[in-house]
Amino acid sequence: MAQTIVIPTGIPIITLRLQVLVLALGEVSTWWRTQYFSPAGLRFLERIYPRTAFAAAINAAGTAARPVHDASTGSNQIYHLFRLPISIEREVQLLVTKAQGASLALEVKPALGDKDKLMTMLDALTTEKSKVAVGALRLGGSAEAYQLATYKRMAGAYLRGFQTGDRIFPYMEADQE
């Protein structure tokens, strides 16, 4: 019998905010070669997807960020910001298409292309600043993917990486079945 997993309140929205900020900062810092979160990139997407350009930017930039994160950890038995348990991924995708996605777009758009503003927004998500910020950073196992504190630690790790210019890729190990 399949086990029902309850996702704690707040995880989908912090995950979406964290994804958007890391995607935008990753572009500015050239961690991946996309420009979907630049003003010009969004204008381009708005021509093709007039109502869903921001969601398209999230999906397109996320598609570029996922293999960069996968390669850094050296394993496909992990969860990271762009490859989460399917239950969390589903909830995040629902937010993208609802009012939360639109309000996040309005909040983030003025900061796009401005690394300092984006970093300030990322800093607001953190509770714990990372001391080490180079390469893959293990944050725990599968259970941590369902802990709000993990995403705040993840935000701190990314913040440190963007501050120092060192690429950091926080992850959680998936349980072996």
C-alpha atoms as a PDB file:
ATOM      1  CA  MET A   1       0.000   0.000   0.000  1.00  0.00           C
ATOM      2  CA  ALA A   2       1.321   3.411  -0.960  1.00  0.00           C
ATOM      3  CA  GLN A   3       2.285   5.710   1.871  1.00  0.00           C
ATOM      4  CA  THR A   4       0.696   9.173   1.901  1.00  0.00           C
ATOM      5  CA  ILE A   5       3.254  11.878   2.439  1.00  0.00           C
ATOM      6  CA  VAL A   6       2.146  15.094   4.074  1.00  0.00           C
ATOM      7  CA  ILE A   7       4.096  18.115   2.933  1.00  0.00           C
ATOM      8  CA  PRO A   8       4.494  20.630   5.760  1.00  0.00           C
ATOM      9  CA  THR A   9       2.947  24.039   5.193  1.00  0.00           C
ATOM     10  CA  GLY A  10       5.366  26.509   3.727  1.00  0.00           C
ATOM     11  CA  ILE A  11       7.662  24.097   1.889  1.00  0.00           C
ATOM     12  CA  PRO A  12       6.140  24.577  -1.587  1.00  0.00           C
ATOM     13  CA  ILE A  13       6.197  28.379  -1.407  1.00  0.00           C
ATOM     14  CA  ILE A  14       9.741  28.646   0.014  1.00  0.00           C
ATOM     15  CA  THR A  15      10.865  26.095  -2.577  1.00  0.00           C
ATOM     16  CA  LEU A  16       9.365  28.136  -5.407  1.00  0.00           C
ATOM     17  CA  ARG A  17      10.855  31.387  -4.092  1.00  0.00           C
ATOM     18  CA  LEU A  18      14.230  29.720  -3.646  1.00  0.00           C
ATOM     19  CA  GLN A  19      14.126  28.214  -7.134  1.00  0.00           C
ATOM     20  CA  VAL A  20      13.298  31.552  -8.758  1.00  0.00           C
ATOM     21  CA  LEU A  21      16.001  33.439  -6.871  1.00  0.00           C
ATOM     22  CA  VAL A  22      18.657  30.778  -7.480  1.00  0.00           C
ATOM     23  CA  LEU A  23      17.707  30.579 -11.163  1.00  0.00           C
ATOM     24  CA  ALA A  24      17.945  34.355 -11.557  1.00  0.00           C
ATOM     25  CA  LEU A  25      21.212  34.578  -9.607  1.00  0.00           C
ATOM     26  CA  GLY A  26      22.606  31.547 -11.435  1.00  0.00           C
ATOM     27  CA  GLU A  27      22.065  33.373 -14.710  1.00  0.00           C
ATOM     28  CA  VAL A  28      23.651  36.599 -13.460  1.00  0.00           C
ATOM     29  CA  SER A  29      26.596  34.615 -12.050  1.00  0.00           C
ATOM     30  CA  THR A  30      26.795  32.386 -15.176  1.00  0.00           C
ATOM     31  CA  TRP A  31      26.340  29.126 -13.310  1.00  0.00           C
ATOM     32  CA  TRP A  32      24.272  28.088 -16.357  1.00  0.00           C
ATOM     33  CA  ARG A  33      24.010  29.687 -19.754  1.00  0.00           C
ATOM     34  CA  THR A  34      20.445  30.938 -19.914  1.00  0.00           C
ATOM     35  CA  GLN A  35      18.982  34.422 -19.896  1.00  0.00           C
ATOM     36  CA  TYR A  36      15.307  33.683 -19.212  1.00  0.00           C
ATOM     37  CA  PHE A  37      15.337  35.793 -16.045  1.00  0.00           C
ATOM     38  CA  SER A  38      16.937  38.810 -17.672  1.00  0.00           C
ATOM     39  CA  PRO A  39      14.622  41.659 -18.668  1.00  0.00           C
ATOM     40  CA  ALA A  40      15.260  40.863 -22.359  1.00  0.00           C
ATOM     41  CA  GLY A  41      14.675  37.146 -21.796  1.00  0.00           C
ATOM     42  CA  LEU A  42      11.339  37.763 -20.109  1.00  0.00           C
ATOM     43  CA  ARG A  43      10.280  40.171 -22.870  1.00  0.00           C
ATOM     44  CA  PHE A  44      11.082  37.456 -25.399  1.00  0.00           C
ATOM     45  CA  LEU A  45       9.051  34.874 -23.467  1.00  0.00           C
ATOM     46  CA  GLU A  46       6.143  37.317 -23.098  1.00  0.00           C
ATOM     47  CA  ARG A  47       5.828  37.411 -26.881  1.00  0.00           C
ATOM     48  CA  ILE A  48       5.523  33.640 -27.063  1.00  0.00           C
ATOM     49  CA  TYR A  49       3.702  33.048 -23.753  1.00  0.00           C
ATOM     50  CA  PRO A  50       1.875  36.311 -22.978  1.00  0.00           C
ATOM     51  CA  ARG A  51       0.123  34.989 -19.849  1.00  0.00           C
ATOM     52  CA  THR A  52       2.631  32.455 -18.618  1.00  0.00           C
ATOM     53  CA  ALA A  53       6.048  33.946 -19.436  1.00  0.00           C
ATOM     54  CA  PHE A  54       7.259  33.806 -15.834  1.00  0.00           C
ATOM     55  CA  ALA A  55       6.251  30.141 -15.514  1.00  0.00           C
ATOM     56  CA  ALA A  56       7.995  29.439 -18.824  1.00  0.00           C
ATOM     57  CA  ALA A  57      11.147  31.142 -17.496  1.00  0.00           C
ATOM     58  CA  ILE A  58      11.055  28.967 -14.373  1.00  0.00           C
ATOM     59  CA  ASN A  59      10.655  25.783 -16.406  1.00  0.00           C
ATOM     60  CA  ALA A  60      13.255  26.670 -19.053  1.00  0.00           C
ATOM     61  CA  ALA A  61      15.936  27.914 -16.659  1.00  0.00           C
ATOM     62  CA  GLY A  62      15.188  25.012 -14.302  1.00  0.00           C
ATOM     63  CA  THR A  63      15.771  22.603 -17.181  1.00  0.00           C
ATOM     64  CA  ALA A  64      19.244  24.130 -17.593  1.00  0.00           C
ATOM     65  CA  ALA A  65      20.017  24.187 -13.854  1.00  0.00           C
ATOM     66  CA  ARG A  66      18.993  20.565 -13.200  1.00  0.00           C
ATOM     67  CA  PRO A  67      21.847  18.829 -15.091  1.00  0.00           C
ATOM     68  CA  VAL A  68      24.399  21.282 -13.653  1.00  0.00           C
ATOM     69  CA  HIS A  69      23.259  20.257 -10.157  1.00  0.00           C
ATOM     70  CA  ASP A  70      23.130  16.561 -11.132  1.00  0.00           C
ATOM     71  CA  ALA A  71      26.691  16.651 -12.461  1.00  0.00           C
ATOM     72  CA  SER A  72      28.014  18.368  -9.350  1.00  0.00           C
ATOM     73  CA  THR A  73      26.732  15.704  -6.993  1.00  0.00           C
ATOM     74  CA  GLY A  74      27.865  12.785  -9.138  1.00  0.00           C
ATOM     75  CA  SER A  75      24.797  10.731  -8.299  1.00  0.00           C
ATOM     76  CA  ASN A  76      21.254  10.269  -9.473  1.00  0.00           C
ATOM     77  CA  GLN A  77      20.234   9.045  -6.017  1.00  0.00           C
ATOM     78  CA  ILE A  78      19.815  12.548  -4.639  1.00  0.00           C
ATOM     79  CA  TYR A  79      17.338  15.361  -4.237  1.00  0.00           C
ATOM     80  CA  HIS A  80      18.309  18.947  -4.876  1.00  0.00           C
ATOM     81  CA  LEU A  81      16.499  22.218  -5.507  1.00  0.00           C
ATOM     82  CA  PHE A  82      15.692  21.249  -9.090  1.00  0.00           C
ATOM     83  CA  ARG A  83      15.059  17.532  -8.528  1.00  0.00           C
ATOM     84  CA  LEU A  84      12.834  17.108  -5.476  1.00  0.00           C
ATOM     85  CA  PRO A  85      10.482  14.334  -4.360  1.00  0.00           C
ATOM     86  CA  ILE A  86       7.565  14.196  -6.792  1.00  0.00           C
ATOM     87  CA  SER A  87       5.034  15.205  -4.126  1.00  0.00           C
ATOM     88  CA  ILE A  88       6.901  18.474  -3.530  1.00  0.00           C
ATOM     89  CA  GLU A  89       7.520  19.041  -7.251  1.00  0.00           C
ATOM     90  CA  ARG A  90       3.782  18.694  -7.891  1.00  0.00           C
ATOM     91  CA  GLU A  91       2.881  21.244  -5.193  1.00  0.00           C
ATOM     92  CA  VAL A  92       5.484  23.715  -6.470  1.00  0.00           C
ATOM     93  CA  GLN A  93       4.153  23.399 -10.033  1.00  0.00           C
ATOM     94  CA  LEU A  94       0.634  24.094  -8.768  1.00  0.00           C
ATOM     95  CA  LEU A  95       1.872  27.292  -7.121  1.00  0.00           C
ATOM     96  CA  VAL A  96       3.519  28.439 -10.342  1.00  0.00           C
ATOM     97  CA  THR A  97       0.171  28.367 -12.127  1.00  0.00           C
ATOM     98  CA  LYS A  98      -1.822  29.958  -9.319  1.00  0.00           C
ATOM     99  CA  ALA A  99      -1.905  33.443  -7.811  1.00  0.00           C
ATOM    100  CA  GLN A 100       1.263  32.796  -5.769  1.00  0.00           C
ATOM    101  CA  GLY A 101       3.256  32.448  -8.992  1.00  0.00           C
ATOM    102  CA  ALA A 102       1.858  35.715 -10.352  1.00  0.00           C
ATOM    103  CA  SER A 103       2.508  37.618  -7.130  1.00  0.00           C
ATOM    104  CA  LEU A 104       6.052  36.219  -6.946  1.00  0.00           C
ATOM    105  CA  ALA A 105       6.625  37.370 -10.526  1.00  0.00           C
ATOM    106  CA  LEU A 106       5.516  40.909  -9.625  1.00  0.00           C
ATOM    107  CA  GLU A 107       7.822  40.895  -6.603  1.00  0.00           C
ATOM    108  CA  VAL A 108      10.895  39.535  -8.385  1.00  0.00           C
ATOM    109  CA  LYS A 109      10.704  41.253 -11.786  1.00  0.00           C
ATOM    110  CA  PRO A 110      12.042  44.633 -10.556  1.00  0.00           C
ATOM    111  CA  ALA A 111      15.126  42.859  -9.148  1.00  0.00           C
ATOM    112  CA  LEU A 112      15.961  40.813 -12.240  1.00  0.00           C
ATOM    113  CA  GLY A 113      19.446  41.494 -13.505  1.00  0.00           C
ATOM    114  CA  ASP A 114      20.419  43.213 -10.232  1.00  0.00           C
ATOM    115  CA  LYS A 115      22.560  40.767  -8.267  1.00  0.00           C
ATOM    116  CA  ASP A 116      22.490  42.852  -5.072  1.00  0.00           C
ATOM    117  CA  LYS A 117      18.685  43.046  -4.981  1.00  0.00           C
ATOM    118  CA  LEU A 118      18.340  39.343  -5.744  1.00  0.00           C
ATOM    119  CA  MET A 119      20.859  38.481  -3.009  1.00  0.00           C
ATOM    120  CA  THR A 120      18.926  40.613  -0.519  1.00  0.00           C
ATOM    121  CA  MET A 121      15.777  38.674  -1.390  1.00  0.00           C
ATOM    122  CA  LEU A 122      17.658  35.375  -1.009  1.00  0.00           C
ATOM    123  CA  ASP A 123      19.095  36.513   2.325  1.00  0.00           C
ATOM    124  CA  ALA A 124      15.537  37.016   3.608  1.00  0.00           C
ATOM    125  CA  LEU A 125      14.919  33.269   3.195  1.00  0.00           C
ATOM    126  CA  THR A 126      17.907  32.168   5.252  1.00  0.00           C
ATOM    127  CA  THR A 127      18.162  31.505   8.948  1.00  0.00           C
ATOM    128  CA  GLU A 128      21.587  29.912   8.891  1.00  0.00           C
ATOM    129  CA  LYS A 129      24.533  31.208   6.912  1.00  0.00           C
ATOM    130  CA  SER A 130      26.721  28.511   5.420  1.00  0.00           C
ATOM    131  CA  LYS A 131      30.383  28.521   6.388  1.00  0.00           C
ATOM    132  CA  VAL A 132      31.498  26.277   3.544  1.00  0.00           C
ATOM    133  CA  ALA A 133      30.428  26.947  -0.002  1.00  0.00           C
ATOM    134  CA  VAL A 134      32.242  24.919  -2.615  1.00  0.00           C
ATOM    135  CA  GLY A 135      30.807  22.052  -4.677  1.00  0.00           C
ATOM    136  CA  ALA A 136      28.252  19.546  -3.482  1.00  0.00           C
ATOM    137  CA  LEU A 137      26.978  20.068   0.075  1.00  0.00           C
ATOM    138  CA  ARG A 138      25.085  17.217   1.776  1.00  0.00           C
ATOM    139  CA  LEU A 139      22.172  18.455   3.891  1.00  0.00           C
ATOM    140  CA  GLY A 140      20.943  15.032   5.012  1.00  0.00           C
ATOM    141  CA  GLY A 141      18.692  12.266   3.751  1.00  0.00           C
ATOM    142  CA  SER A 142      15.234  12.066   2.197  1.00  0.00           C
ATOM    143  CA  ALA A 143      13.515  13.082   5.418  1.00  0.00           C
ATOM    144  CA  GLU A 144      15.206  16.495   5.255  1.00  0.00           C
ATOM    145  CA  ALA A 145      13.425  17.185   1.943  1.00  0.00           C
ATOM    146  CA  TYR A 146      10.260  17.495   4.051  1.00  0.00           C
ATOM    147  CA  GLN A 147      11.739  19.893   6.617  1.00  0.00           C
ATOM    148  CA  LEU A 148      11.271  23.646   6.218  1.00  0.00           C
ATOM    149  CA  ALA A 149      14.598  24.251   7.961  1.00  0.00           C
ATOM    150  CA  THR A 150      16.395  22.382   5.155  1.00  0.00           C
ATOM    151  CA  TYR A 151      15.270  24.947   2.592  1.00  0.00           C
ATOM    152  CA  LYS A 152      16.404  27.787   4.823  1.00  0.00           C
ATOM    153  CA  ARG A 153      19.808  26.104   5.163  1.00  0.00           C
ATOM    154  CA  MET A 154      19.831  25.596   1.410  1.00  0.00           C
ATOM    155  CA  ALA A 155      19.137  29.310   0.903  1.00  0.00           C
ATOM    156  CA  GLY A 156      22.081  30.135   3.185  1.00  0.00           C
ATOM    157  CA  ALA A 157      24.360  27.830   1.229  1.00  0.00           C
ATOM    158  CA  TYR A 158      23.390  29.341  -2.105  1.00  0.00           C
ATOM    159  CA  LEU A 159      23.737  32.843  -0.672  1.00  0.00           C
ATOM    160  CA  ARG A 160      27.284  32.079   0.469  1.00  0.00           C
ATOM    161  CA  GLY A 161      28.094  30.632  -2.948  1.00  0.00           C
ATOM    162  CA  PHE A 162      26.818  33.681  -4.788  1.00  0.00           C
ATOM    163  CA  GLN A 163      28.677  35.974  -2.370  1.00  0.00           C
ATOM    164  CA  THR A 164      32.011  34.206  -2.799  1.00  0.00           C
ATOM    165  CA  GLY A 165      31.592  33.271  -6.457  1.00  0.00           C
ATOM    166  CA  ASP A 166      32.030  29.577  -5.600  1.00  0.00           C
ATOM    167  CA  ARG A 167      29.480  27.204  -7.047  1.00  0.00           C
ATOM    168  CA  ILE A 168      27.584  25.317  -4.364  1.00  0.00           C
ATOM    169  CA  PHE A 169      25.032  22.585  -4.851  1.00  0.00           C
ATOM    170  CA  PRO A 170      23.147  21.551  -1.677  1.00  0.00           C
ATOM    171  CA  TYR A 171      21.502  18.142  -1.843  1.00  0.00           C
ATOM    172  CA  MET A 172      19.789  15.414   0.181  1.00  0.00           C
ATOM    173  CA  GLU A 173      20.463  11.700  -0.366  1.00  0.00           C
ATOM    174  CA  ALA A 174      17.445   9.734  -1.544  1.00  0.00           C
ATOM    175  CA  ASP A 175      16.582   6.621   0.465  1.00  0.00           C
ATOM    176  CA  GLN A 176      17.600   3.351  -1.161  1.00  0.00           C
ATOM    177  CA  GLU A 177      14.719   0.960  -1.812  1.00  0.00           C
END
